[in-house]
Amino acid sequence: MDWHLLGLSFVTVFLSELGDKSQLAAIALSGRSQSRKAVFFGTAGALLLTSLLGALAGGAVAELLPTRILKAIAAVGFAILAARLLLFNNEATPDAE
């Protein structure tokens, strides 16, 4: 097992998940429920499943495309998202009544 990659993956996901909407949903669910264990195991299971799907999809795509192209696609995708957030007004339009 590549322990460096394991640690890097853990730290990256841990830091990116702090304060995101799934953590806020877990806080809201545990505040309204009697079983904090059920909320913990449910949210942990969901995170494990989504991580598994991401790793499987990433492995499959990596077999089809070279790493350099994958990194370029990811960089362009993030740049488009950043430009959209910075340049376009994302205010919701008022509901028409």
N, C-alpha and C. Protein backbone atom coordinates (compact mmCIF):
# COMPACT_ATOMS: atom_id res chain seq x y z
N MET A 1 0.85 -1.18 0.00
CA MET A 1 0.00 0.00 0.00
C MET A 1 0.89 1.24 0.00
N ASP A 2 0.50 2.23 -0.75
CA ASP A 2 1.22 3.50 -0.82
C ASP A 2 0.72 4.40 0.32
N TRP A 3 1.46 4.41 1.43
CA TRP A 3 1.04 5.14 2.62
C TRP A 3 1.05 6.65 2.40
N HIS A 4 1.97 7.13 1.60
CA HIS A 4 2.02 8.57 1.30
C HIS A 4 0.74 9.00 0.56
N LEU A 5 0.34 8.22 -0.44
CA LEU A 5 -0.88 8.53 -1.18
C LEU A 5 -2.11 8.42 -0.29
N LEU A 6 -2.14 7.43 0.59
CA LEU A 6 -3.25 7.27 1.53
C LEU A 6 -3.36 8.51 2.42
N GLY A 7 -2.23 8.94 2.99
CA GLY A 7 -2.25 10.12 3.85
C GLY A 7 -2.63 11.38 3.10
N LEU A 8 -2.10 11.54 1.90
CA LEU A 8 -2.42 12.71 1.08
C LEU A 8 -3.91 12.74 0.73
N SER A 9 -4.47 11.60 0.37
CA SER A 9 -5.90 11.52 0.05
C SER A 9 -6.74 11.86 1.27
N PHE A 10 -6.35 11.31 2.43
CA PHE A 10 -7.10 11.58 3.65
C PHE A 10 -7.10 13.07 3.99
N VAL A 11 -5.92 13.68 3.99
CA VAL A 11 -5.82 15.09 4.35
C VAL A 11 -6.58 15.96 3.35
N THR A 12 -6.46 15.66 2.06
CA THR A 12 -7.14 16.45 1.04
C THR A 12 -8.65 16.39 1.20
N VAL A 13 -9.20 15.19 1.35
CA VAL A 13 -10.65 15.06 1.49
C VAL A 13 -11.11 15.61 2.82
N PHE A 14 -10.37 15.36 3.89
CA PHE A 14 -10.76 15.87 5.20
C PHE A 14 -10.87 17.39 5.19
N LEU A 15 -9.85 18.05 4.66
CA LEU A 15 -9.87 19.52 4.63
C LEU A 15 -10.94 20.06 3.69
N SER A 16 -11.18 19.37 2.58
CA SER A 16 -12.19 19.88 1.65
C SER A 16 -13.60 19.65 2.16
N GLU A 17 -13.80 18.68 3.04
CA GLU A 17 -15.13 18.39 3.55
C GLU A 17 -15.50 19.24 4.77
N LEU A 18 -14.52 19.87 5.41
CA LEU A 18 -14.84 20.68 6.59
C LEU A 18 -15.75 21.83 6.20
N GLY A 19 -16.90 21.90 6.82
CA GLY A 19 -17.81 23.02 6.62
C GLY A 19 -18.57 22.99 5.31
N ASP A 20 -18.58 21.87 4.58
CA ASP A 20 -19.34 21.85 3.34
C ASP A 20 -20.79 21.47 3.64
N LYS A 21 -21.60 21.43 2.61
CA LYS A 21 -23.04 21.22 2.81
C LYS A 21 -23.38 19.85 3.39
N SER A 22 -22.56 18.82 3.12
CA SER A 22 -22.85 17.51 3.71
C SER A 22 -22.60 17.52 5.22
N GLN A 23 -21.59 18.25 5.66
CA GLN A 23 -21.35 18.36 7.10
C GLN A 23 -22.47 19.16 7.77
N LEU A 24 -22.90 20.21 7.12
CA LEU A 24 -24.01 21.00 7.67
C LEU A 24 -25.30 20.20 7.72
N ALA A 25 -25.52 19.35 6.71
CA ALA A 25 -26.69 18.47 6.73
C ALA A 25 -26.61 17.48 7.88
N ALA A 26 -25.43 16.95 8.14
CA ALA A 26 -25.25 16.02 9.27
C ALA A 26 -25.52 16.72 10.59
N ILE A 27 -25.07 17.95 10.71
CA ILE A 27 -25.33 18.72 11.94
C ILE A 27 -26.83 18.92 12.12
N ALA A 28 -27.51 19.30 11.05
CA ALA A 28 -28.96 19.52 11.13
C ALA A 28 -29.71 18.24 11.46
N LEU A 29 -29.30 17.13 10.83
CA LEU A 29 -29.96 15.86 11.10
C LEU A 29 -29.73 15.40 12.54
N SER A 30 -28.52 15.53 13.03
CA SER A 30 -28.25 15.07 14.40
C SER A 30 -28.92 15.96 15.43
N GLY A 31 -29.14 17.20 15.09
CA GLY A 31 -29.85 18.09 16.01
C GLY A 31 -31.32 17.77 16.14
N ARG A 32 -31.90 17.18 15.09
CA ARG A 32 -33.33 16.86 15.09
C ARG A 32 -33.62 15.42 15.46
N SER A 33 -32.61 14.58 15.56
CA SER A 33 -32.86 13.15 15.78
C SER A 33 -32.42 12.73 17.18
N GLN A 34 -32.90 11.57 17.56
CA GLN A 34 -32.54 11.01 18.85
C GLN A 34 -31.28 10.14 18.76
N SER A 35 -30.95 9.68 17.55
CA SER A 35 -29.84 8.76 17.37
C SER A 35 -28.71 9.40 16.58
N ARG A 36 -27.72 9.90 17.29
CA ARG A 36 -26.57 10.49 16.62
C ARG A 36 -25.73 9.42 15.92
N LYS A 37 -25.78 8.19 16.47
CA LYS A 37 -25.05 7.10 15.83
C LYS A 37 -25.59 6.82 14.43
N ALA A 38 -26.92 6.82 14.30
CA ALA A 38 -27.53 6.55 12.99
C ALA A 38 -27.14 7.63 11.99
N VAL A 39 -27.12 8.87 12.42
CA VAL A 39 -26.71 9.97 11.54
C VAL A 39 -25.25 9.80 11.16
N PHE A 40 -24.39 9.47 12.12
CA PHE A 40 -22.97 9.27 11.83
C PHE A 40 -22.77 8.16 10.81
N PHE A 41 -23.37 6.98 11.06
CA PHE A 41 -23.16 5.86 10.16
C PHE A 41 -23.78 6.11 8.78
N GLY A 42 -24.91 6.79 8.74
CA GLY A 42 -25.53 7.11 7.46
C GLY A 42 -24.69 8.07 6.64
N THR A 43 -24.20 9.14 7.27
CA THR A 43 -23.39 10.12 6.53
C THR A 43 -22.01 9.54 6.19
N ALA A 44 -21.43 8.76 7.09
CA ALA A 44 -20.14 8.14 6.80
C ALA A 44 -20.27 7.15 5.64
N GLY A 45 -21.35 6.37 5.64
CA GLY A 45 -21.58 5.43 4.54
C GLY A 45 -21.76 6.14 3.21
N ALA A 46 -22.48 7.26 3.23
CA ALA A 46 -22.68 8.02 2.00
C ALA A 46 -21.36 8.58 1.48
N LEU A 47 -20.53 9.10 2.36
CA LEU A 47 -19.23 9.63 1.95
C LEU A 47 -18.33 8.52 1.41
N LEU A 48 -18.35 7.36 2.06
CA LEU A 48 -17.57 6.23 1.57
C LEU A 48 -18.02 5.81 0.18
N LEU A 49 -19.33 5.73 -0.04
CA LEU A 49 -19.84 5.30 -1.33
C LEU A 49 -19.50 6.30 -2.43
N THR A 50 -19.65 7.59 -2.16
CA THR A 50 -19.32 8.58 -3.18
C THR A 50 -17.82 8.60 -3.46
N SER A 51 -17.01 8.38 -2.43
CA SER A 51 -15.56 8.31 -2.64
C SER A 51 -15.19 7.08 -3.46
N LEU A 52 -15.84 5.95 -3.20
CA LEU A 52 -15.60 4.74 -3.97
C LEU A 52 -15.97 4.96 -5.44
N LEU A 53 -17.13 5.55 -5.68
CA LEU A 53 -17.54 5.81 -7.06
C LEU A 53 -16.58 6.75 -7.76
N GLY A 54 -16.11 7.78 -7.05
CA GLY A 54 -15.14 8.70 -7.63
C GLY A 54 -13.83 8.02 -7.96
N ALA A 55 -13.35 7.16 -7.07
CA ALA A 55 -12.10 6.45 -7.32
C ALA A 55 -12.23 5.47 -8.48
N LEU A 56 -13.37 4.78 -8.55
CA LEU A 56 -13.58 3.84 -9.66
C LEU A 56 -13.69 4.58 -10.99
N ALA A 57 -14.44 5.67 -11.00
CA ALA A 57 -14.58 6.45 -12.23
C ALA A 57 -13.24 7.06 -12.64
N GLY A 58 -12.49 7.57 -11.67
CA GLY A 58 -11.18 8.13 -11.97
C GLY A 58 -10.22 7.09 -12.52
N GLY A 59 -10.26 5.90 -11.97
CA GLY A 59 -9.41 4.82 -12.47
C GLY A 59 -9.77 4.41 -13.89
N ALA A 60 -11.08 4.37 -14.17
CA ALA A 60 -11.53 4.00 -15.51
C ALA A 60 -11.14 5.06 -16.54
N VAL A 61 -11.32 6.33 -16.18
CA VAL A 61 -10.97 7.40 -17.11
C VAL A 61 -9.46 7.47 -17.29
N ALA A 62 -8.70 7.20 -16.24
CA ALA A 62 -7.24 7.25 -16.33
C ALA A 62 -6.69 6.18 -17.27
N GLU A 63 -7.43 5.08 -17.45
CA GLU A 63 -6.99 4.06 -18.39
C GLU A 63 -7.22 4.50 -19.83
N LEU A 64 -8.17 5.42 -20.04
CA LEU A 64 -8.49 5.88 -21.39
C LEU A 64 -7.69 7.09 -21.82
N LEU A 65 -7.39 7.98 -20.86
CA LEU A 65 -6.71 9.24 -21.18
C LEU A 65 -5.42 9.36 -20.39
N PRO A 66 -4.40 9.96 -20.98
CA PRO A 66 -3.16 10.21 -20.23
C PRO A 66 -3.38 11.20 -19.08
N THR A 67 -2.57 11.07 -18.05
CA THR A 67 -2.70 11.91 -16.86
C THR A 67 -2.60 13.39 -17.20
N ARG A 68 -1.71 13.74 -18.12
CA ARG A 68 -1.53 15.15 -18.49
C ARG A 68 -2.83 15.74 -19.06
N ILE A 69 -3.54 14.97 -19.87
CA ILE A 69 -4.80 15.45 -20.45
C ILE A 69 -5.87 15.57 -19.36
N LEU A 70 -5.91 14.60 -18.43
CA LEU A 70 -6.88 14.67 -17.33
C LEU A 70 -6.66 15.92 -16.48
N LYS A 71 -5.39 16.21 -16.19
CA LYS A 71 -5.09 17.41 -15.41
C LYS A 71 -5.48 18.67 -16.16
N ALA A 72 -5.26 18.68 -17.47
CA ALA A 72 -5.64 19.84 -18.28
C ALA A 72 -7.15 20.03 -18.30
N ILE A 73 -7.89 18.93 -18.43
CA ILE A 73 -9.36 19.01 -18.42
C ILE A 73 -9.85 19.54 -17.08
N ALA A 74 -9.27 19.03 -15.98
CA ALA A 74 -9.66 19.49 -14.65
C ALA A 74 -9.33 20.97 -14.47
N ALA A 75 -8.16 21.39 -14.93
CA ALA A 75 -7.75 22.79 -14.80
C ALA A 75 -8.69 23.71 -15.59
N VAL A 76 -9.03 23.32 -16.80
CA VAL A 76 -9.95 24.12 -17.62
C VAL A 76 -11.33 24.18 -16.96
N GLY A 77 -11.78 23.05 -16.45
CA GLY A 77 -13.08 23.02 -15.77
C GLY A 77 -13.13 23.95 -14.57
N PHE A 78 -12.10 23.90 -13.73
CA PHE A 78 -12.06 24.78 -12.57
C PHE A 78 -11.92 26.24 -12.99
N ALA A 79 -11.18 26.51 -14.05
CA ALA A 79 -11.04 27.89 -14.53
C ALA A 79 -12.37 28.43 -15.03
N ILE A 80 -13.14 27.59 -15.72
CA ILE A 80 -14.46 28.01 -16.19
C ILE A 80 -15.38 28.30 -15.01
N LEU A 81 -15.35 27.44 -14.01
CA LEU A 81 -16.18 27.67 -12.81
C LEU A 81 -15.77 28.95 -12.10
N ALA A 82 -14.47 29.19 -11.98
CA ALA A 82 -13.99 30.40 -11.32
C ALA A 82 -14.39 31.64 -12.09
N ALA A 83 -14.24 31.61 -13.42
CA ALA A 83 -14.63 32.77 -14.24
C ALA A 83 -16.12 33.03 -14.13
N ARG A 84 -16.89 31.97 -14.12
CA ARG A 84 -18.35 32.12 -14.00
C ARG A 84 -18.72 32.76 -12.67
N LEU A 85 -18.07 32.30 -11.60
CA LEU A 85 -18.35 32.87 -10.28
C LEU A 85 -17.94 34.34 -10.19
N LEU A 86 -16.81 34.67 -10.80
CA LEU A 86 -16.29 36.04 -10.71
C LEU A 86 -16.99 37.02 -11.65
N LEU A 87 -17.35 36.57 -12.83
CA LEU A 87 -17.79 37.50 -13.87
C LEU A 87 -19.29 37.62 -14.05
N PHE A 88 -20.00 36.58 -13.73
CA PHE A 88 -21.43 36.60 -14.01
C PHE A 88 -22.23 36.82 -12.74
N ASN A 89 -23.28 37.58 -12.86
CA ASN A 89 -24.15 37.85 -11.74
C ASN A 89 -25.06 36.66 -11.53
N ASN A 90 -24.94 36.01 -10.38
CA ASN A 90 -25.72 34.81 -10.11
C ASN A 90 -26.91 35.08 -9.20
N GLU A 91 -27.35 36.31 -9.14
CA GLU A 91 -28.50 36.60 -8.29
C GLU A 91 -29.75 35.94 -8.85
N ALA A 92 -30.57 35.43 -7.97
CA ALA A 92 -31.81 34.80 -8.39
C ALA A 92 -32.79 35.87 -8.86
N THR A 93 -33.51 35.54 -9.89
CA THR A 93 -34.53 36.49 -10.36
C THR A 93 -35.76 36.35 -9.49
N PRO A 94 -36.46 37.46 -9.27
CA PRO A 94 -37.68 37.38 -8.45
C PRO A 94 -38.72 36.53 -9.14
N ASP A 95 -39.50 35.83 -8.32
CA ASP A 95 -40.56 34.98 -8.88
C ASP A 95 -41.61 35.84 -9.54
N ALA A 96 -42.02 35.42 -10.71
CA ALA A 96 -43.10 36.14 -11.41
C ALA A 96 -44.44 35.70 -10.84
N GLU A 97 -45.24 36.67 -10.48
CA GLU A 97 -46.56 36.33 -9.90
C GLU A 97 -47.66 36.90 -10.72
